[in-house]
Protein backbone atom coordinates (compact mmCIF):
# COMPACT_ATOMS: atom_id res chain seq x y z
CA UNK A 1 -0.01 -0.17 -0.09
CA UNK A 2 1.18 3.50 -0.79
CA UNK A 3 2.15 5.25 1.84
CA UNK A 4 -0.26 8.98 2.25
CA UNK A 5 1.48 10.94 4.42
CA UNK A 6 5.49 10.13 4.28
CA UNK A 7 8.52 12.05 3.72
CA UNK A 8 11.45 10.71 2.05
CA UNK A 9 15.19 11.94 4.05
CA UNK A 10 17.69 12.63 2.09
CA UNK A 11 20.15 9.31 2.40
CA UNK A 12 23.43 10.24 0.92
CA UNK A 13 26.52 11.62 2.58
CA UNK A 14 28.12 15.41 2.17
CA UNK A 15 30.16 14.74 -1.10
CA UNK A 16 27.49 13.89 -3.40
CA UNK A 17 25.82 17.02 -3.62
CA UNK A 18 25.74 20.47 -1.79
CA UNK A 19 23.64 20.24 1.65
CA UNK A 20 22.54 23.80 1.16
CA UNK A 21 19.94 25.27 -0.96
CA UNK A 22 22.16 28.63 -2.55
CA UNK A 23 25.07 25.97 -3.10
CA UNK A 24 23.20 23.84 -5.05
CA UNK A 25 21.63 26.38 -7.19
CA UNK A 26 24.96 28.27 -6.80
CA UNK A 27 26.31 24.53 -8.83
CA UNK A 28 23.91 24.03 -11.40
CA UNK A 29 24.33 27.96 -12.55
CA UNK A 30 27.95 27.03 -12.22
CA UNK A 31 27.22 23.53 -14.36
CA UNK A 32 25.23 25.99 -17.20
CA UNK A 33 27.76 28.80 -17.35
CA UNK A 34 28.79 29.44 -20.91
CA UNK A 35 26.68 26.60 -22.48
CA UNK A 36 23.54 26.30 -24.99
CA UNK A 37 21.60 23.54 -25.30
CA UNK A 38 22.64 22.41 -29.24
CA UNK A 39 19.95 22.27 -31.74
CA UNK A 40 18.03 19.40 -31.59
CA UNK A 41 15.76 17.61 -33.59
CA UNK A 42 12.38 19.33 -34.32
CA UNK A 43 9.72 17.31 -31.62
CA UNK A 44 12.88 16.38 -29.33
CA UNK A 45 12.47 16.91 -25.11
CA UNK A 46 10.50 13.02 -24.62
CA UNK A 47 13.10 12.38 -21.99
CA UNK A 48 17.06 11.86 -21.64
CA UNK A 49 19.72 9.31 -19.79
CA UNK A 50 22.20 10.65 -17.76
CA UNK A 51 24.96 10.11 -15.64
CA UNK A 52 24.78 9.48 -11.51
CA UNK A 53 28.60 10.07 -10.08
CA UNK A 54 28.93 12.61 -7.68
CA UNK A 55 28.16 16.43 -9.11
CA UNK A 56 31.44 16.85 -8.76
CA UNK A 57 32.18 14.58 -11.40
CA UNK A 58 28.74 13.59 -13.53
CA UNK A 59 26.67 17.04 -11.99
CA UNK A 60 27.77 19.19 -14.86
CA UNK A 61 26.57 16.50 -17.84
CA UNK A 62 23.18 15.60 -15.99
CA UNK A 63 22.47 20.06 -15.42
CA UNK A 64 22.35 20.49 -19.33
CA UNK A 65 20.08 17.48 -19.85
CA UNK A 66 17.92 18.70 -17.77
CA UNK A 67 18.05 22.19 -19.17
CA UNK A 68 17.98 21.02 -22.77
CA UNK A 69 14.81 18.91 -21.82
CA UNK A 70 13.30 22.28 -19.90
CA UNK A 71 12.45 23.59 -23.94
CA UNK A 72 9.11 20.50 -23.97
CA UNK A 73 7.02 22.99 -22.47
CA UNK A 74 4.69 22.05 -19.17
CA UNK A 75 5.69 18.68 -17.90
CA UNK A 76 3.38 17.72 -14.71
CA UNK A 77 5.24 14.00 -13.92
CA UNK A 78 8.83 13.31 -14.03
CA UNK A 79 9.50 9.74 -14.18
CA UNK A 80 12.75 8.85 -12.97
CA UNK A 81 14.15 5.61 -13.51
CA UNK A 82 17.72 4.17 -11.65
CA UNK A 83 19.10 1.55 -11.32
CA UNK A 84 21.78 -0.99 -9.28
CA UNK A 85 19.91 -3.93 -9.91
CA UNK A 86 20.30 -7.45 -11.24
CA UNK A 87 18.41 -8.93 -13.87
CA UNK A 88 16.18 -11.14 -11.43
CA UNK A 89 14.96 -8.19 -9.54
CA UNK A 90 11.20 -6.73 -9.90
CA UNK A 91 11.33 -3.18 -10.26
CA UNK A 92 11.79 -0.95 -6.53
CA UNK A 93 9.74 1.98 -6.32
CA UNK A 94 9.39 4.88 -3.64
CA UNK A 95 6.01 5.08 -2.29
CA UNK A 96 6.90 8.28 -0.05
CA UNK A 97 4.49 11.05 -0.45
CA UNK A 98 7.85 13.22 -0.73
CA UNK A 99 11.16 13.48 -1.17
CA UNK A 100 13.45 15.90 0.47
CA UNK A 101 15.94 17.98 -1.35
CA UNK A 102 18.12 20.91 -0.42
CA UNK A 103 15.57 23.28 -3.18
CA UNK A 104 12.94 21.92 -1.52
CA UNK A 105 10.45 18.52 -1.85
CA UNK A 106 9.28 16.97 -4.87
CA UNK A 107 6.35 15.93 -4.17
CA UNK A 108 5.38 11.94 -5.65
CA UNK A 109 2.87 11.33 -7.70
CA UNK A 110 1.33 8.19 -5.05
CA UNK A 111 -1.85 8.20 -7.07
CA UNK A 112 0.36 7.49 -10.47
CA UNK A 113 2.72 4.82 -7.96
CA UNK A 114 -0.76 3.00 -6.79
CA UNK A 115 -2.42 2.50 -10.48
CA UNK A 116 1.19 1.23 -11.52
CA UNK A 117 1.40 -1.08 -9.29
CA UNK A 118 -1.93 -2.52 -10.64
CA UNK A 119 -0.57 -3.29 -14.08
CA UNK A 120 3.27 -5.07 -12.51
CA UNK A 121 4.88 -6.53 -10.47
CA UNK A 122 6.80 -3.65 -7.92
CA UNK A 123 8.60 -3.51 -5.02
CA UNK A 124 8.34 -0.88 -2.05
CA UNK A 125 12.14 1.34 -2.52
CA UNK A 126 13.50 0.36 1.53
CA UNK A 127 14.08 4.38 2.96
CA UNK A 128 17.03 3.42 3.74
CA UNK A 129 18.61 2.16 0.59
CA UNK A 130 20.94 5.31 -0.23
CA UNK A 131 20.99 4.23 -3.55
CA UNK A 132 22.48 7.19 -5.41
CA UNK A 133 20.79 6.65 -9.02
CA UNK A 134 17.60 8.00 -8.14
CA UNK A 135 18.56 10.71 -5.29
CA UNK A 136 21.39 12.27 -7.21
CA UNK A 137 18.94 13.56 -9.64
CA UNK A 138 16.86 14.99 -7.33
CA UNK A 139 18.04 18.58 -6.91
CA UNK A 140 17.90 18.49 -11.05
CA UNK A 141 14.15 17.78 -10.88
CA UNK A 142 13.48 20.05 -8.83
CA UNK A 143 15.71 23.25 -9.80
CA UNK A 144 14.50 22.11 -14.14
CA UNK A 145 10.86 21.48 -13.27
CA UNK A 146 9.54 23.02 -9.89
CA UNK A 147 6.05 22.01 -10.21
CA UNK A 148 6.03 18.72 -11.55
CA UNK A 149 5.55 15.26 -9.66
CA UNK A 150 8.11 12.59 -9.11
CA UNK A 151 7.69 8.64 -9.91
CA UNK A 152 10.67 7.53 -8.88
CA UNK A 153 11.68 3.77 -9.81
CA UNK A 154 14.86 1.63 -9.65
CA UNK A 155 15.00 -0.87 -13.10
CA UNK A 156 16.59 -4.21 -13.13
CA UNK A 157 19.26 -5.40 -15.67
CA UNK A 158 16.53 -7.43 -18.17
CA UNK A 159 13.73 -7.04 -20.12
CA UNK A 160 11.88 -6.72 -16.99
CA UNK A 161 12.82 -2.45 -17.91
CA UNK A 162 11.28 -2.70 -20.96
CA UNK A 163 7.86 -3.62 -20.13
CA UNK A 164 8.08 -1.19 -17.11
CA UNK A 165 8.43 1.85 -19.17
CA UNK A 166 6.37 0.38 -21.77
CA UNK A 167 3.35 0.23 -18.83
CA UNK A 168 4.84 3.83 -17.41
CA UNK A 169 4.68 5.54 -21.05
CA UNK A 170 0.64 3.72 -21.37
CA UNK A 171 -0.54 4.76 -18.61
CA UNK A 172 0.76 8.32 -18.94
CA UNK A 173 -1.59 8.30 -22.04
CA UNK A 174 -4.36 7.29 -20.72
CA UNK A 175 -4.96 9.77 -18.08
CA UNK A 176 -3.32 12.30 -20.34
CA UNK A 177 -0.39 13.23 -18.52
CA UNK A 178 2.35 15.42 -19.54
CA UNK A 179 5.11 13.06 -18.66
CA UNK A 180 9.50 13.72 -19.02
CA UNK A 181 11.54 10.75 -18.48
CA UNK A 182 14.66 10.22 -16.96
CA UNK A 183 17.25 7.12 -17.02
CA UNK A 184 20.31 7.14 -14.53
CA UNK A 185 23.30 5.34 -15.35
CA UNK A 186 26.99 5.45 -15.47
CA UNK A 187 28.35 3.49 -18.52
CA UNK A 188 32.03 1.43 -18.15
CA UNK A 189 33.69 1.60 -14.68
CA UNK A 190 36.73 0.38 -15.55
CA UNK A 191 40.18 -0.12 -13.94
CA UNK A 192 41.63 -2.23 -10.60
CA UNK A 193 38.88 -0.88 -8.09
CA UNK A 194 36.56 -2.21 -10.48
CA UNK A 195 37.80 -5.80 -10.92
CA UNK A 196 37.93 -4.76 -14.80
CA UNK A 197 41.45 -4.20 -16.37
CA UNK A 198 40.76 -5.72 -20.00
CA UNK A 199 43.23 -3.44 -21.64
CA UNK A 200 45.18 -2.90 -19.09
CA UNK A 201 46.04 0.13 -17.76
CA UNK A 202 47.05 4.09 -19.01
CA UNK A 203 46.18 5.83 -22.16
CA UNK A 204 45.19 3.32 -24.14
CA UNK A 205 43.05 1.63 -22.15
CA UNK A 206 41.15 4.93 -21.32
CA UNK A 207 40.70 5.25 -25.43
CA UNK A 208 39.49 1.54 -25.83
CA UNK A 209 36.99 2.47 -23.07
CA UNK A 210 35.72 5.82 -24.68
CA UNK A 211 35.84 4.80 -28.93
CA UNK A 212 34.83 1.16 -28.38
CA UNK A 213 33.15 0.36 -24.91
CA UNK A 214 30.99 2.85 -24.03
CA UNK A 215 30.75 3.76 -27.56
CA UNK A 216 28.94 0.38 -27.93
CA UNK A 217 26.35 1.29 -25.29
CA UNK A 218 25.56 4.67 -26.90
CA UNK A 219 24.92 3.89 -30.28
CA UNK A 220 22.47 1.38 -29.25
CA UNK A 221 20.99 4.20 -27.00
CA UNK A 222 21.04 6.78 -29.85
CA UNK A 223 19.38 4.18 -31.87
CA UNK A 224 16.88 3.48 -28.67
CA UNK A 225 17.39 0.11 -28.94
CA UNK A 226 16.63 -0.60 -25.49
CA UNK A 227 17.15 -5.11 -26.06
CA UNK A 228 20.47 -4.00 -27.84
CA UNK A 229 21.92 -2.27 -24.93
CA UNK A 230 21.03 -4.30 -22.45
CA UNK A 231 22.72 -7.04 -24.51
CA UNK A 232 25.58 -5.29 -24.79
CA UNK A 233 26.05 -3.71 -20.80
CA UNK A 234 25.67 -7.28 -19.73
CA UNK A 235 28.15 -8.83 -22.04
CA UNK A 236 30.88 -5.97 -21.88
CA UNK A 237 30.28 -4.45 -18.72
CA UNK A 238 29.80 -1.02 -20.53
CA UNK A 239 27.09 0.23 -17.93
CA UNK A 240 25.94 -0.42 -14.28
CA UNK A 241 22.54 0.29 -14.71
CA UNK A 242 21.74 -0.64 -18.31
CA UNK A 243 17.70 -1.17 -16.96
CA UNK A 244 17.28 1.82 -16.34
CA UNK A 245 18.26 3.09 -20.25
CA UNK A 246 16.30 0.53 -21.21
CA UNK A 247 13.46 1.85 -19.07
CA UNK A 248 13.45 5.21 -20.67
CA UNK A 249 13.90 4.20 -23.59
CA UNK A 250 10.82 2.12 -23.79
CA UNK A 251 8.53 5.31 -22.65
CA UNK A 252 10.16 7.88 -24.63
CA UNK A 253 9.44 5.46 -28.11
CA UNK A 254 5.64 4.26 -26.66
CA UNK A 255 5.55 8.18 -26.74
CA UNK A 256 6.75 9.48 -30.07
CA UNK A 257 11.32 9.60 -30.03
CA UNK A 258 12.66 7.73 -32.79
CA UNK A 259 16.70 8.92 -32.23
CA UNK A 260 18.48 10.03 -29.40
CA UNK A 261 21.13 12.75 -29.63
CA UNK A 262 24.22 12.78 -27.52
CA UNK A 263 24.95 16.23 -25.06
CA UNK A 264 27.94 15.15 -24.63
CA UNK A 265 30.45 12.26 -23.38
CA UNK A 266 33.86 11.84 -21.31
CA UNK A 267 34.86 9.71 -18.85
CA UNK A 268 36.35 10.62 -14.92
CA UNK A 269 39.56 10.05 -15.90
CA UNK A 270 39.18 13.84 -17.68
CA UNK A 271 38.04 15.31 -14.54
CA UNK A 272 41.04 12.98 -12.29
CA UNK A 273 43.35 10.78 -14.03
CA UNK A 274 43.43 7.20 -12.43
CA UNK A 275 43.86 3.94 -13.28
CA UNK A 276 40.23 3.43 -12.01
CA UNK A 277 37.70 5.31 -13.83
CA UNK A 278 34.51 5.31 -15.00
CA UNK A 279 32.65 6.62 -18.20
CA UNK A 280 29.20 9.20 -18.95
CA UNK A 281 26.86 10.08 -21.44
CA UNK A 282 24.03 12.19 -21.40
CA UNK A 283 21.52 11.69 -24.03
CA UNK A 284 18.14 13.46 -24.97
CA UNK A 285 15.75 11.76 -27.17
């Protein structure tokens, strides 16, 4: 049963994103300073794919995807797909009535969540899970879409994620809800810290991740190929939360999107060079 009057508190510690409202706003504005969204295809702005590392590493890219999506117009509901689930897991949905952010609480659409639970198998996301894939995006949601309600779900890395995305889009269509969908995933986790050193270490390993491993995943995402994307991540270790990407692609496809536009791509190596690093991509569908 969906809780009627409960507030989900911040779980991520200091360092993931600012604690103070003014600091959050200032950091987002700094991410956007001197940057303008690229010209997008007509009708673009149904949803997007963002990374979920701490803001120091990937906040700039996430903010730019959210900013590019503002041109969509009125948004009543932001659907946020997180990950870090295995293929056998069912989706996990946040069922509190609101979620704390430094910029202000985000209201969760409990009625939409309740209806979705009648369509698919969903488990409740624990208040103490501390999963970053959802929470790290919340101040961005509140900053760029302050009046929108939220549906927050972690998607498994299996075709269940595609079914989830289809069901969310179908319910939104039935209700006439103006929806924006966001998928939250980082790409290849490479290096000794992650137990993945297929190409050794150093500049050649960075180039392999950038031009081959991450690029393969990105190409499936741009083609909106959810099945191919899931397979690529499973076979090549090219994403930590491929289910989130598959869900957002399914939702956006059902809402009329036909391709993705790459906003930017980089790795944590460019920010803090190290033998262990992570890839980040920002895409608008």
